[in-house]
Amino acid sequence: MEKILRIFTKESGSVNQAALLLGSLTLLSQILALFRDRSFAHFIGPSPSLDAYYAAFRVPDLIFISIASLASVTVLIPFIVARMKGDSVTEEAQKYLNNIFTAFFFLMVSVALIAFFLMPYLADLVAPGFAPFYQAKMVLLSRIMLLSPILMGLSNLFGTITQLFHKFFIYSLSPIFYNLGIIAGVVFLYPIFGISGLAMGVALGAIMHFGIQALASHGCGFTPKFSLSINLKEIKAVALTSLPRTLGLAFNNIALVSIIALASFLESGSISVFNFAFNLQSVPLNIIGISYAVAAFPTLAKSFGGGKKEEFKKHLKIAARAIVFWSLPVIFLFIVLRAQIVRVILGSGSFSWDNTRLVAAGLAIFSVSILAQGMITLLSRSYYATGNTKRPLMVNLFCSILIIILSFVFIRFFENWLLFRYFIESLLKVSDIPGTEVLMLPLAYSAGTILNFILQWVFIKRDFMSDEPFIAKTFFQSLGASFFLGLATYLGLNILSPIFGTTTFWGVFLQGFISGIFGIATAVAVLHLLKSEELTDILKILKTKFWRAKIIVPSQEEL
């Protein structure tokens, strides 16, 4: 057991090592999230009830992002470390944590109570297109889910201690148990309580999320208690330090709230379709983009803080090229295999073939922006590492507003410009099914996200990389390999479809899996011929004991 636990405290030899290990752990959590979505698809399917469930998440999520993330792990750890003596828990450190715990507990509870009573009015803003019955359902579900931001916020606070004492494995278990709670809700509580059982599952998951971190924190010697005298200066310092990052997350969440509001006026099940596609595209984003961004951040901050500008640029280029290297093949793979991916993961029970095609089309549109989303996480953190929080904050604000505007404009174009509608439906092969208007929402989200990346990339080039090549070589090498990957995968599907058929799970799975492997092998061969440096680096790392790298875990808002 000691040997196993030592795996989680080793230092990493490179950004690639840390990112590869973090990506491997994130994959486990994402697989469970896919089982969660499959449970929704099987037992409920895209429907007004599931729309109400997804819409009910928006207010609790916004509270969590806007309030709970102010006491995030990355902000609190330096403050606590400054009050400790080595690994010893001092009275000063305990008192500091008590102050933070007391202030944020009462703030979270107060905001949640206000939201509880205002929920009927908030529901009109979040889902104005719902019928009164489903709007009332949404109010009930949201009120139950308000337990989640309180418990998850406190879990974030306790998670600071588990990270501080290198309990990375325990820290990473929380999102897994959170998803297990939601799955328990749909499997066991939904048959008894109906759609309310899903909200109870969210609350159950939040309780387990919090319980794990609270027990681990207690085991480390930190047991936060309510403090009668709070040092407001300490609270203010934490809040101000977290504010730029929190606002950036909140802007994106507000854009999603607006998208849900527009989707509530569309065909029933549209919110469910949007969320299914969004969750699927988030898997590679979390595994690739967030893993590299989180792994690179400490090195970037240390390099810039030490005045080592060349080292800063070197590590930024390594992480950026790695994200490009991995993301482009995933984009082509997801676009070509979109129907197989959706059908294998979600195609069960109440999830029809029309649902499959619509979610697959949404996934294809979202996939176009996977690279942009991954790069945004890295470039934003690059500015945070330099202490410049204003630049990414303003870009995120501008692009969040743009996403909201584009969502409205694209839907109007789609409804009134038949040529545009025909082009989109024909391109994505969904012209014979209803509800295709929902595809304008992922299109708006992807367009705004890509512009966000372009703006941040231009600023990064101007501020840090003006005289150096950045990602051009890697981009074109990976793009060329990805093109052949897509072509080989497409040919594989055409060859294997008559052999395996498309009417059974194993038929769809085998044709997609074998075609994907053939495409990946083709891409690797092309990259080898192009003498890709990134491919060489990855192969070298796979030969090392990369699993012994120190785990750098992202905050729970990102998990």
Protein backbone atom coordinates (compact mmCIF):
# COMPACT_ATOMS: atom_id res chain seq x y z
CA MET A 1 0.00 0.00 0.00
CA GLU A 2 2.87 2.38 0.77
CA LYS A 3 4.33 1.77 -2.70
CA ILE A 4 0.96 2.51 -4.27
CA LEU A 5 0.51 5.71 -2.27
CA ARG A 6 4.03 6.90 -3.11
CA ILE A 7 2.97 6.97 -6.77
CA PHE A 8 0.87 10.03 -5.92
CA THR A 9 3.70 12.10 -4.41
CA LYS A 10 6.50 11.73 -6.96
CA GLU A 11 7.79 14.79 -8.79
CA SER A 12 7.18 14.95 -12.53
CA GLY A 13 10.05 15.11 -14.98
CA SER A 14 8.16 17.19 -17.57
CA VAL A 15 4.87 18.83 -18.44
CA ASN A 16 4.11 15.94 -20.80
CA GLN A 17 4.59 13.39 -18.01
CA ALA A 18 2.30 15.20 -15.59
CA ALA A 19 -0.31 15.81 -18.30
CA LEU A 20 -0.26 12.19 -19.46
CA LEU A 21 -0.82 10.92 -15.93
CA LEU A 22 -3.50 13.50 -15.20
CA GLY A 23 -5.21 12.67 -18.49
CA SER A 24 -5.22 8.98 -17.57
CA LEU A 25 -6.91 9.70 -14.24
CA THR A 26 -9.36 12.12 -15.85
CA LEU A 27 -10.30 9.38 -18.33
CA LEU A 28 -11.56 7.20 -15.46
CA SER A 29 -13.82 9.99 -14.23
CA GLN A 30 -15.05 10.74 -17.76
CA ILE A 31 -15.93 7.09 -18.39
CA LEU A 32 -18.19 7.17 -15.34
CA ALA A 33 -19.73 10.42 -16.60
CA LEU A 34 -20.54 8.64 -19.87
CA PHE A 35 -22.26 5.84 -17.92
CA ARG A 36 -24.27 8.57 -16.18
CA ASP A 37 -25.41 10.02 -19.51
CA ARG A 38 -26.17 6.54 -20.86
CA SER A 39 -28.45 6.00 -17.85
CA PHE A 40 -30.31 9.21 -18.69
CA ALA A 41 -30.60 8.21 -22.34
CA HIS A 42 -31.79 4.67 -21.53
CA PHE A 43 -34.36 5.41 -18.81
CA ILE A 44 -35.65 8.82 -19.93
CA GLY A 45 -34.29 9.90 -23.32
CA PRO A 46 -34.54 13.44 -24.73
CA SER A 47 -37.87 14.66 -23.37
CA PRO A 48 -39.53 17.59 -21.59
CA SER A 49 -38.80 15.91 -18.23
CA LEU A 50 -35.08 15.57 -18.95
CA ASP A 51 -35.08 19.13 -20.31
CA ALA A 52 -36.44 20.29 -16.94
CA TYR A 53 -33.71 18.34 -15.14
CA TYR A 54 -30.88 19.86 -17.20
CA ALA A 55 -32.38 23.35 -16.93
CA ALA A 56 -32.68 22.93 -13.15
CA PHE A 57 -28.88 22.61 -12.95
CA ARG A 58 -28.22 26.10 -14.24
CA VAL A 59 -28.92 28.18 -11.12
CA PRO A 60 -27.15 25.84 -8.64
CA ASP A 61 -24.20 25.59 -11.04
CA LEU A 62 -24.00 29.36 -11.37
CA ILE A 63 -24.02 29.71 -7.59
CA PHE A 64 -21.26 27.13 -7.28
CA ILE A 65 -19.12 28.76 -9.95
CA SER A 66 -19.72 32.33 -8.75
CA ILE A 67 -19.46 31.82 -4.98
CA ALA A 68 -17.87 28.48 -4.07
CA SER A 69 -14.98 28.81 -6.50
CA LEU A 70 -13.85 31.97 -4.67
CA ALA A 71 -12.30 29.58 -2.14
CA SER A 72 -10.59 27.41 -4.71
CA VAL A 73 -7.68 25.07 -4.08
CA THR A 74 -5.19 27.00 -6.21
CA VAL A 75 -5.85 30.18 -4.23
CA LEU A 76 -6.05 28.83 -0.68
CA ILE A 77 -2.98 26.57 -0.64
CA PRO A 78 -0.37 29.41 -0.64
CA PHE A 79 -2.22 31.20 2.18
CA ILE A 80 -2.35 28.05 4.33
CA VAL A 81 1.25 27.04 3.60
CA ALA A 82 2.42 30.48 4.76
CA ARG A 83 0.83 29.77 8.15
CA MET A 84 2.24 26.26 8.62
CA LYS A 85 5.59 25.01 9.86
CA GLY A 86 6.63 22.36 7.36
CA ASP A 87 3.93 19.69 7.43
CA SER A 88 2.82 20.61 10.95
CA VAL A 89 -0.64 21.99 11.54
CA THR A 90 -0.22 25.21 13.50
CA GLU A 91 -2.83 27.05 15.52
CA GLU A 92 -2.54 29.99 13.09
CA ALA A 93 -3.24 27.76 10.09
CA GLN A 94 -6.23 26.14 11.85
CA LYS A 95 -7.65 29.54 12.80
CA TYR A 96 -7.22 30.80 9.24
CA LEU A 97 -9.11 27.81 7.85
CA ASN A 98 -11.84 28.28 10.48
CA ASN A 99 -12.29 31.89 9.32
CA ILE A 100 -12.55 30.86 5.66
CA PHE A 101 -14.89 27.98 6.50
CA THR A 102 -17.23 30.18 8.56
CA ALA A 103 -17.39 33.03 6.06
CA PHE A 104 -17.95 30.88 2.99
CA PHE A 105 -20.41 28.55 4.74
CA PHE A 106 -22.71 31.41 5.73
CA LEU A 107 -22.28 33.09 2.34
CA MET A 108 -23.17 29.89 0.45
CA VAL A 109 -26.17 29.12 2.69
CA SER A 110 -27.43 32.70 2.45
CA VAL A 111 -27.20 32.78 -1.35
CA ALA A 112 -28.82 29.34 -1.60
CA LEU A 113 -31.72 30.43 0.64
CA ILE A 114 -32.27 33.57 -1.42
CA ALA A 115 -32.23 31.46 -4.61
CA PHE A 116 -34.68 28.99 -3.00
CA PHE A 117 -37.32 31.67 -2.53
CA LEU A 118 -36.59 33.44 -5.83
CA MET A 119 -36.57 30.22 -7.85
CA PRO A 120 -40.03 30.71 -9.46
CA TYR A 121 -38.82 34.06 -10.83
CA LEU A 122 -35.41 32.68 -11.82
CA ALA A 123 -37.15 29.84 -13.68
CA ASP A 124 -38.77 32.42 -15.95
CA LEU A 125 -35.28 33.61 -16.91
CA VAL A 126 -33.63 30.19 -17.26
CA ALA A 127 -36.42 28.43 -19.17
CA PRO A 128 -39.01 30.98 -20.30
CA GLY A 129 -40.27 28.67 -23.05
CA PHE A 130 -41.32 25.84 -20.72
CA ALA A 131 -44.98 25.04 -20.22
CA PRO A 132 -46.18 25.92 -16.67
CA PHE A 133 -46.13 22.25 -15.59
CA TYR A 134 -42.48 21.72 -16.53
CA GLN A 135 -41.46 25.12 -15.21
CA ALA A 136 -42.92 24.09 -11.85
CA LYS A 137 -40.99 20.82 -12.12
CA MET A 138 -37.82 22.76 -12.81
CA VAL A 139 -38.40 24.94 -9.72
CA LEU A 140 -38.78 21.83 -7.54
CA LEU A 141 -35.67 20.17 -8.99
CA SER A 142 -33.58 23.33 -8.64
CA ARG A 143 -34.59 23.73 -5.01
CA ILE A 144 -33.48 20.17 -4.23
CA MET A 145 -30.23 20.73 -6.14
CA LEU A 146 -29.42 23.85 -4.10
CA LEU A 147 -27.87 21.47 -1.57
CA SER A 148 -25.23 20.72 -4.20
CA PRO A 149 -23.40 24.10 -4.37
CA ILE A 150 -23.28 24.30 -0.56
CA LEU A 151 -21.81 20.81 -0.15
CA MET A 152 -19.56 21.05 -3.21
CA GLY A 153 -18.30 24.45 -2.06
CA LEU A 154 -17.37 23.04 1.34
CA SER A 155 -15.84 20.03 -0.38
CA ASN A 156 -13.68 22.44 -2.38
CA LEU A 157 -12.52 23.96 0.89
CA PHE A 158 -11.66 20.60 2.47
CA GLY A 159 -10.05 19.56 -0.83
CA THR A 160 -7.44 22.25 -0.23
CA ILE A 161 -6.18 20.22 2.73
CA THR A 162 -6.17 16.89 0.90
CA GLN A 163 -4.10 18.44 -1.89
CA LEU A 164 -1.81 20.20 0.58
CA PHE A 165 -0.96 16.86 2.19
CA HIS A 166 -0.62 15.12 -1.19
CA LYS A 167 -3.82 13.05 -0.84
CA PHE A 168 -4.26 13.34 -4.59
CA PHE A 169 -5.91 9.96 -5.01
CA ILE A 170 -8.60 10.77 -2.44
CA TYR A 171 -9.10 14.21 -3.99
CA SER A 172 -9.64 12.64 -7.40
CA LEU A 173 -12.23 10.20 -6.00
CA SER A 174 -14.75 12.96 -5.25
CA PRO A 175 -16.04 13.52 -8.82
CA ILE A 176 -16.26 9.75 -9.25
CA PHE A 177 -18.54 9.40 -6.21
CA TYR A 178 -20.51 12.46 -7.32
CA ASN A 179 -21.31 10.73 -10.61
CA LEU A 180 -22.11 7.50 -8.75
CA GLY A 181 -24.70 9.41 -6.72
CA ILE A 182 -26.33 10.75 -9.89
CA ILE A 183 -26.35 7.26 -11.44
CA ALA A 184 -27.96 5.89 -8.25
CA GLY A 185 -30.59 8.61 -8.60
CA VAL A 186 -31.57 7.60 -12.12
CA VAL A 187 -31.40 3.82 -11.50
CA PHE A 188 -32.98 3.57 -8.03
CA LEU A 189 -34.71 6.85 -7.15
CA TYR A 190 -36.21 7.78 -10.54
CA PRO A 191 -38.51 4.69 -10.65
CA ILE A 192 -39.85 5.64 -7.18
CA PHE A 193 -39.95 9.44 -7.16
CA GLY A 194 -40.02 10.21 -10.87
CA ILE A 195 -37.97 13.13 -12.15
CA SER A 196 -37.46 14.37 -8.56
CA GLY A 197 -35.35 11.25 -7.99
CA LEU A 198 -32.75 12.64 -10.38
CA ALA A 199 -32.35 15.78 -8.26
CA MET A 200 -32.12 13.61 -5.15
CA GLY A 201 -29.33 11.70 -6.89
CA VAL A 202 -27.46 14.99 -7.45
CA ALA A 203 -27.83 15.82 -3.74
CA LEU A 204 -26.64 12.30 -2.82
CA GLY A 205 -23.61 12.68 -5.08
CA ALA A 206 -22.80 16.06 -3.48
CA ILE A 207 -23.03 14.52 0.00
CA MET A 208 -20.55 11.79 -0.97
CA HIS A 209 -18.31 14.36 -2.71
CA PHE A 210 -18.21 16.39 0.51
CA GLY A 211 -17.94 13.39 2.85
CA ILE A 212 -14.76 12.06 1.23
CA GLN A 213 -12.97 15.40 1.46
CA ALA A 214 -14.18 16.08 5.03
CA LEU A 215 -12.92 12.68 6.27
CA ALA A 216 -9.59 13.10 4.47
CA SER A 217 -9.15 16.61 5.89
CA HIS A 218 -9.90 15.36 9.41
CA GLY A 219 -7.32 12.61 8.95
CA CYS A 220 -4.73 15.28 8.09
CA GLY A 221 -5.37 17.12 11.36
CA PHE A 222 -7.56 19.88 9.94
CA THR A 223 -11.13 19.95 11.25
CA PRO A 224 -12.67 23.33 10.43
CA LYS A 225 -14.94 24.82 13.09
CA PHE A 226 -17.16 27.86 13.15
CA SER A 227 -15.24 30.94 14.18
CA LEU A 228 -16.85 33.66 16.32
CA SER A 229 -14.38 36.35 15.24
CA ILE A 230 -13.65 36.50 11.51
CA ASN A 231 -10.71 38.38 10.06
CA LEU A 232 -12.37 40.16 7.15
CA LYS A 233 -9.01 41.20 5.66
CA GLU A 234 -8.11 37.53 5.14
CA ILE A 235 -11.48 36.83 3.51
CA LYS A 236 -11.08 39.85 1.24
CA ALA A 237 -7.57 38.75 0.17
CA VAL A 238 -8.83 35.30 -0.86
CA ALA A 239 -11.86 36.70 -2.69
CA LEU A 240 -9.87 39.30 -4.62
CA THR A 241 -7.24 36.73 -5.63
CA SER A 242 -9.92 34.33 -6.90
CA LEU A 243 -12.14 36.95 -8.54
CA PRO A 244 -10.66 37.05 -12.09
CA ARG A 245 -10.75 33.27 -12.49
CA THR A 246 -14.22 33.07 -10.91
CA LEU A 247 -15.60 35.75 -13.23
CA GLY A 248 -14.16 33.96 -16.25
CA LEU A 249 -15.95 30.75 -15.24
CA ALA A 250 -19.14 32.67 -14.45
CA PHE A 251 -19.22 34.36 -17.88
CA ASN A 252 -19.12 30.98 -19.61
CA ASN A 253 -21.85 29.67 -17.32
CA ILE A 254 -24.06 32.68 -18.02
CA ALA A 255 -23.64 32.01 -21.75
CA LEU A 256 -24.84 28.43 -21.13
CA VAL A 257 -27.81 29.73 -19.12
CA SER A 258 -28.77 31.92 -22.09
CA ILE A 259 -28.44 29.00 -24.49
CA ILE A 260 -30.73 26.89 -22.30
CA ALA A 261 -33.25 29.76 -22.23
CA LEU A 262 -33.30 29.85 -26.05
CA ALA A 263 -33.50 26.04 -26.26
CA SER A 264 -36.59 26.07 -24.02
CA PHE A 265 -38.53 27.66 -26.92
CA LEU A 266 -37.47 24.93 -29.37
CA GLU A 267 -38.69 21.35 -29.91
CA SER A 268 -39.15 19.40 -26.67
CA GLY A 269 -35.98 17.48 -25.88
CA SER A 270 -33.74 20.18 -27.37
CA ILE A 271 -32.07 20.98 -24.04
CA SER A 272 -31.36 17.27 -23.56
CA VAL A 273 -29.87 16.98 -27.06
CA PHE A 274 -27.65 20.00 -26.46
CA ASN A 275 -26.41 18.66 -23.11
CA PHE A 276 -25.76 15.14 -24.42
CA ALA A 277 -23.63 16.54 -27.26
CA PHE A 278 -21.89 19.04 -24.97
CA ASN A 279 -20.98 16.35 -22.43
CA LEU A 280 -19.57 14.04 -25.12
CA GLN A 281 -17.31 16.75 -26.57
CA SER A 282 -16.17 17.62 -23.04
CA VAL A 283 -14.49 14.22 -22.66
CA PRO A 284 -11.50 14.94 -24.95
CA LEU A 285 -11.42 18.55 -23.72
CA ASN A 286 -10.98 17.43 -20.11
CA ILE A 287 -8.48 14.72 -20.98
CA ILE A 288 -6.33 16.82 -23.33
CA GLY A 289 -6.83 20.56 -22.90
CA ILE A 290 -7.38 20.82 -19.17
CA SER A 291 -4.74 18.18 -18.39
CA TYR A 292 -2.00 20.06 -20.24
CA ALA A 293 -3.14 23.47 -18.99
CA VAL A 294 -3.20 22.32 -15.35
CA ALA A 295 0.11 20.48 -15.69
CA ALA A 296 1.82 23.49 -17.29
CA PHE A 297 0.54 26.19 -14.93
CA PRO A 298 2.91 25.66 -11.95
CA THR A 299 5.93 25.55 -14.28
CA LEU A 300 4.80 28.67 -16.14
CA ALA A 301 4.22 30.59 -12.91
CA LYS A 302 7.55 29.50 -11.46
CA SER A 303 9.46 30.41 -14.64
CA PHE A 304 7.89 33.84 -15.04
CA GLY A 305 8.15 34.60 -11.32
CA GLY A 306 11.85 33.75 -11.44
CA GLY A 307 12.46 36.06 -14.38
CA LYS A 308 13.19 33.14 -16.73
CA LYS A 309 11.27 34.44 -19.74
CA GLU A 310 12.88 32.00 -22.20
CA GLU A 311 11.96 29.06 -20.01
CA PHE A 312 8.41 30.43 -19.74
CA LYS A 313 8.11 30.59 -23.53
CA LYS A 314 9.63 27.13 -23.91
CA HIS A 315 7.10 25.46 -21.60
CA LEU A 316 4.20 27.41 -23.12
CA LYS A 317 5.18 26.21 -26.59
CA ILE A 318 5.54 22.59 -25.41
CA ALA A 319 2.06 22.57 -23.84
CA ALA A 320 0.45 24.41 -26.78
CA ARG A 321 1.96 22.07 -29.35
CA ALA A 322 0.88 19.04 -27.34
CA ILE A 323 -2.73 20.28 -27.22
CA VAL A 324 -2.68 20.89 -30.99
CA PHE A 325 -1.04 17.51 -31.60
CA TRP A 326 -3.75 15.59 -29.72
CA SER A 327 -6.79 17.75 -30.46
CA LEU A 328 -6.78 17.82 -34.26
CA PRO A 329 -6.90 14.01 -34.66
CA VAL A 330 -9.70 13.86 -32.08
CA ILE A 331 -11.69 16.46 -34.05
CA PHE A 332 -11.49 14.44 -37.27
CA LEU A 333 -12.17 11.18 -35.45
CA PHE A 334 -15.24 12.56 -33.68
CA ILE A 335 -16.66 14.08 -36.86
CA VAL A 336 -16.29 10.89 -38.92
CA LEU A 337 -17.35 8.49 -36.12
CA ARG A 338 -19.97 10.77 -34.57
CA ALA A 339 -22.92 8.42 -35.18
CA GLN A 340 -21.02 5.36 -33.91
CA ILE A 341 -19.81 7.22 -30.80
CA VAL A 342 -23.28 8.48 -29.90
CA ARG A 343 -25.03 5.18 -30.66
CA VAL A 344 -22.58 3.07 -28.65
CA ILE A 345 -22.52 5.38 -25.64
CA LEU A 346 -26.14 6.58 -25.53
CA GLY A 347 -28.10 4.31 -27.88
CA SER A 348 -30.22 2.34 -25.46
CA GLY A 349 -33.80 2.14 -24.21
CA SER A 350 -35.62 5.43 -24.75
CA PHE A 351 -32.86 6.89 -26.94
CA SER A 352 -34.13 6.55 -30.54
CA TRP A 353 -32.22 6.54 -33.83
CA ASP A 354 -33.47 10.08 -34.56
CA ASN A 355 -32.08 11.14 -31.18
CA THR A 356 -28.78 9.51 -32.16
CA ARG A 357 -28.57 11.42 -35.43
CA LEU A 358 -29.43 14.76 -33.83
CA VAL A 359 -26.96 14.39 -30.95
CA ALA A 360 -24.32 13.15 -33.41
CA ALA A 361 -24.83 16.28 -35.53
CA GLY A 362 -24.47 18.45 -32.44
CA LEU A 363 -21.33 16.53 -31.45
CA ALA A 364 -19.80 17.16 -34.88
CA ILE A 365 -20.39 20.91 -34.55
CA PHE A 366 -19.02 21.01 -30.99
CA SER A 367 -16.00 18.95 -32.06
CA VAL A 368 -14.82 21.69 -34.41
CA SER A 369 -14.01 23.82 -31.34
CA ILE A 370 -12.26 21.17 -29.21
CA LEU A 371 -8.83 22.56 -30.12
CA ALA A 372 -9.97 26.13 -29.40
CA GLN A 373 -11.43 25.16 -26.00
CA GLY A 374 -8.24 23.34 -25.00
CA MET A 375 -6.02 26.24 -26.06
CA ILE A 376 -8.18 28.74 -24.16
CA THR A 377 -7.57 26.85 -20.90
CA LEU A 378 -3.82 27.02 -21.51
CA LEU A 379 -3.58 30.60 -22.77
CA SER A 380 -5.76 31.94 -19.93
CA ARG A 381 -3.53 30.23 -17.38
CA SER A 382 -0.48 31.62 -19.13
CA TYR A 383 -1.72 35.11 -18.42
CA TYR A 384 -2.64 34.14 -14.84
CA ALA A 385 0.93 32.87 -14.40
CA THR A 386 2.25 36.33 -15.31
CA GLY A 387 -0.18 38.10 -12.99
CA ASN A 388 -2.15 39.62 -15.90
CA THR A 389 -5.74 38.58 -15.16
CA LYS A 390 -7.41 41.44 -17.04
CA ARG A 391 -6.63 40.23 -20.58
CA PRO A 392 -8.32 36.78 -20.47
CA LEU A 393 -11.15 38.22 -18.37
CA MET A 394 -12.09 40.82 -20.98
CA VAL A 395 -11.76 38.34 -23.86
CA ASN A 396 -13.97 35.82 -22.04
CA LEU A 397 -16.58 38.50 -21.32
CA PHE A 398 -16.66 39.68 -24.94
CA CYS A 399 -16.91 36.15 -26.37
CA SER A 400 -19.55 35.05 -23.85
CA ILE A 401 -21.74 37.95 -24.95
CA LEU A 402 -21.01 37.06 -28.57
CA ILE A 403 -22.12 33.44 -28.00
CA ILE A 404 -25.44 34.69 -26.62
CA ILE A 405 -25.98 37.02 -29.60
CA LEU A 406 -24.95 34.38 -32.16
CA SER A 407 -27.31 31.82 -30.61
CA PHE A 408 -30.24 34.14 -31.21
CA VAL A 409 -29.07 35.24 -34.70
CA PHE A 410 -28.30 31.70 -35.94
CA ILE A 411 -31.70 30.39 -34.85
CA ARG A 412 -33.42 33.23 -36.69
CA PHE A 413 -31.32 32.58 -39.81
CA PHE A 414 -32.07 28.87 -39.62
CA GLU A 415 -35.81 29.44 -39.32
CA ASN A 416 -36.10 32.11 -42.00
CA TRP A 417 -33.29 31.44 -44.51
CA LEU A 418 -34.16 28.14 -46.18
CA LEU A 419 -30.90 27.88 -48.12
CA PHE A 420 -28.89 28.08 -44.89
CA ARG A 421 -31.15 25.51 -43.24
CA TYR A 422 -30.89 23.15 -46.20
CA PHE A 423 -27.08 23.45 -46.24
CA ILE A 424 -26.70 22.60 -42.52
CA GLU A 425 -29.22 19.76 -42.55
CA SER A 426 -27.77 18.22 -45.72
CA LEU A 427 -24.19 18.54 -44.49
CA LEU A 428 -25.01 16.76 -41.23
CA LYS A 429 -27.56 14.37 -42.79
CA VAL A 430 -30.50 15.33 -40.55
CA SER A 431 -32.88 16.89 -43.07
CA ASP A 432 -35.66 14.34 -42.44
CA ILE A 433 -35.95 14.68 -38.65
CA PRO A 434 -37.63 17.41 -36.53
CA GLY A 435 -35.89 19.67 -34.02
CA THR A 436 -32.80 20.54 -36.06
CA GLU A 437 -33.00 24.17 -34.88
CA VAL A 438 -31.13 23.09 -31.75
CA LEU A 439 -27.98 22.64 -33.88
CA MET A 440 -27.63 26.42 -34.04
CA LEU A 441 -26.77 26.49 -30.35
CA PRO A 442 -23.59 24.37 -30.58
CA LEU A 443 -22.75 26.31 -33.76
CA ALA A 444 -22.94 29.60 -31.85
CA TYR A 445 -20.95 28.15 -28.93
CA SER A 446 -18.23 26.82 -31.23
CA ALA A 447 -18.01 30.08 -33.22
CA GLY A 448 -17.66 32.18 -30.06
CA THR A 449 -15.12 29.77 -28.58
CA ILE A 450 -12.97 29.76 -31.73
CA LEU A 451 -12.94 33.56 -31.76
CA ASN A 452 -11.98 33.52 -28.07
CA PHE A 453 -8.99 31.31 -28.91
CA ILE A 454 -7.95 33.47 -31.88
CA LEU A 455 -8.03 36.66 -29.78
CA GLN A 456 -6.05 35.14 -26.92
CA TRP A 457 -3.57 33.60 -29.37
CA VAL A 458 -3.02 36.99 -31.04
CA PHE A 459 -2.41 38.64 -27.67
CA ILE A 460 -0.06 35.86 -26.53
CA LYS A 461 1.89 36.17 -29.78
CA ARG A 462 2.16 39.93 -29.34
CA ASP A 463 3.05 39.87 -25.64
CA PHE A 464 5.38 36.87 -25.46
CA MET A 465 6.03 35.16 -28.79
CA SER A 466 6.38 38.01 -31.28
CA ASP A 467 9.69 36.88 -32.76
CA GLU A 468 9.29 33.11 -32.55
CA PRO A 469 7.31 30.38 -34.30
CA PHE A 470 4.62 29.13 -31.99
CA ILE A 471 2.48 26.23 -33.17
CA ALA A 472 2.54 26.50 -36.99
CA LYS A 473 4.75 23.45 -37.69
CA THR A 474 2.88 21.18 -35.28
CA PHE A 475 -0.48 22.47 -36.53
CA PHE A 476 0.17 21.64 -40.17
CA GLN A 477 1.80 18.28 -39.38
CA SER A 478 -1.10 17.27 -37.16
CA LEU A 479 -3.66 18.65 -39.63
CA GLY A 480 -2.15 16.59 -42.46
CA ALA A 481 -2.08 13.44 -40.35
CA SER A 482 -5.64 14.12 -39.15
CA PHE A 483 -6.87 14.47 -42.73
CA PHE A 484 -5.53 11.02 -43.58
CA LEU A 485 -6.91 9.71 -40.29
CA GLY A 486 -10.38 10.94 -41.25
CA LEU A 487 -10.09 9.56 -44.76
CA ALA A 488 -8.89 6.13 -43.59
CA THR A 489 -11.61 5.97 -40.92
CA TYR A 490 -14.30 6.94 -43.45
CA LEU A 491 -13.13 4.27 -45.90
CA GLY A 492 -13.05 1.75 -43.06
CA LEU A 493 -16.67 2.51 -42.19
CA ASN A 494 -17.80 2.03 -45.79
CA ILE A 495 -15.98 -1.30 -46.00
CA LEU A 496 -17.11 -2.64 -42.61
CA SER A 497 -20.73 -1.43 -42.53
CA PRO A 498 -22.03 -4.22 -44.84
CA ILE A 499 -20.04 -6.78 -42.83
CA PHE A 500 -21.12 -5.86 -39.30
CA GLY A 501 -24.39 -4.06 -40.02
CA THR A 502 -25.82 -1.08 -38.15
CA THR A 503 -28.71 -2.63 -36.25
CA THR A 504 -26.88 -4.15 -33.25
CA PHE A 505 -24.68 -2.70 -30.52
CA TRP A 506 -21.73 -4.92 -31.39
CA GLY A 507 -22.09 -4.25 -35.09
CA VAL A 508 -21.97 -0.48 -34.58
CA PHE A 509 -19.18 -0.77 -31.99
CA LEU A 510 -16.93 -3.04 -34.07
CA GLN A 511 -17.20 -1.02 -37.27
CA GLY A 512 -16.45 2.20 -35.39
CA PHE A 513 -13.66 0.70 -33.29
CA ILE A 514 -11.83 -1.06 -36.13
CA SER A 515 -12.23 1.91 -38.47
CA GLY A 516 -10.94 4.24 -35.74
CA ILE A 517 -7.89 2.04 -35.07
CA PHE A 518 -7.16 1.92 -38.79
CA GLY A 519 -7.43 5.70 -38.98
CA ILE A 520 -5.18 6.22 -35.94
CA ALA A 521 -2.55 3.84 -37.34
CA THR A 522 -2.62 5.81 -40.59
CA ALA A 523 -2.16 9.08 -38.73
CA VAL A 524 0.78 7.69 -36.71
CA ALA A 525 2.42 6.52 -39.94
CA VAL A 526 1.99 9.97 -41.52
CA LEU A 527 3.38 11.70 -38.44
CA HIS A 528 6.35 9.33 -38.47
CA LEU A 529 7.04 10.18 -42.12
CA LEU A 530 6.80 13.88 -41.27
CA LYS A 531 9.24 13.33 -38.38
CA SER A 532 6.88 14.82 -35.82
CA GLU A 533 8.76 15.92 -32.68
CA GLU A 534 5.61 15.57 -30.59
CA LEU A 535 5.15 11.94 -31.64
CA THR A 536 8.77 11.21 -30.73
CA ASP A 537 8.34 12.86 -27.31
CA ILE A 538 5.14 10.93 -26.56
CA LEU A 539 6.77 7.61 -27.50
CA LYS A 540 9.71 8.39 -25.21
CA ILE A 541 7.40 9.24 -22.32
CA LEU A 542 5.39 6.04 -22.79
CA LYS A 543 8.64 4.13 -22.29
CA THR A 544 9.25 5.88 -18.95
CA LYS A 545 7.45 5.29 -15.66
CA PHE A 546 5.25 8.32 -16.22
CA TRP A 547 2.67 7.01 -13.75
CA ARG A 548 5.11 7.92 -10.98
CA ALA A 549 4.81 11.60 -11.80
CA LYS A 550 3.37 13.93 -9.20
CA ILE A 551 -0.33 14.43 -9.83
CA ILE A 552 -1.47 17.99 -10.27
CA VAL A 553 -5.23 17.90 -9.95
CA PRO A 554 -7.54 20.55 -11.42
CA SER A 555 -10.11 22.26 -9.25
CA GLN A 556 -13.44 20.56 -8.73
CA GLU A 557 -15.23 23.16 -10.89
CA GLU A 558 -13.27 21.75 -13.86
CA LEU A 559 -13.72 18.11 -12.88
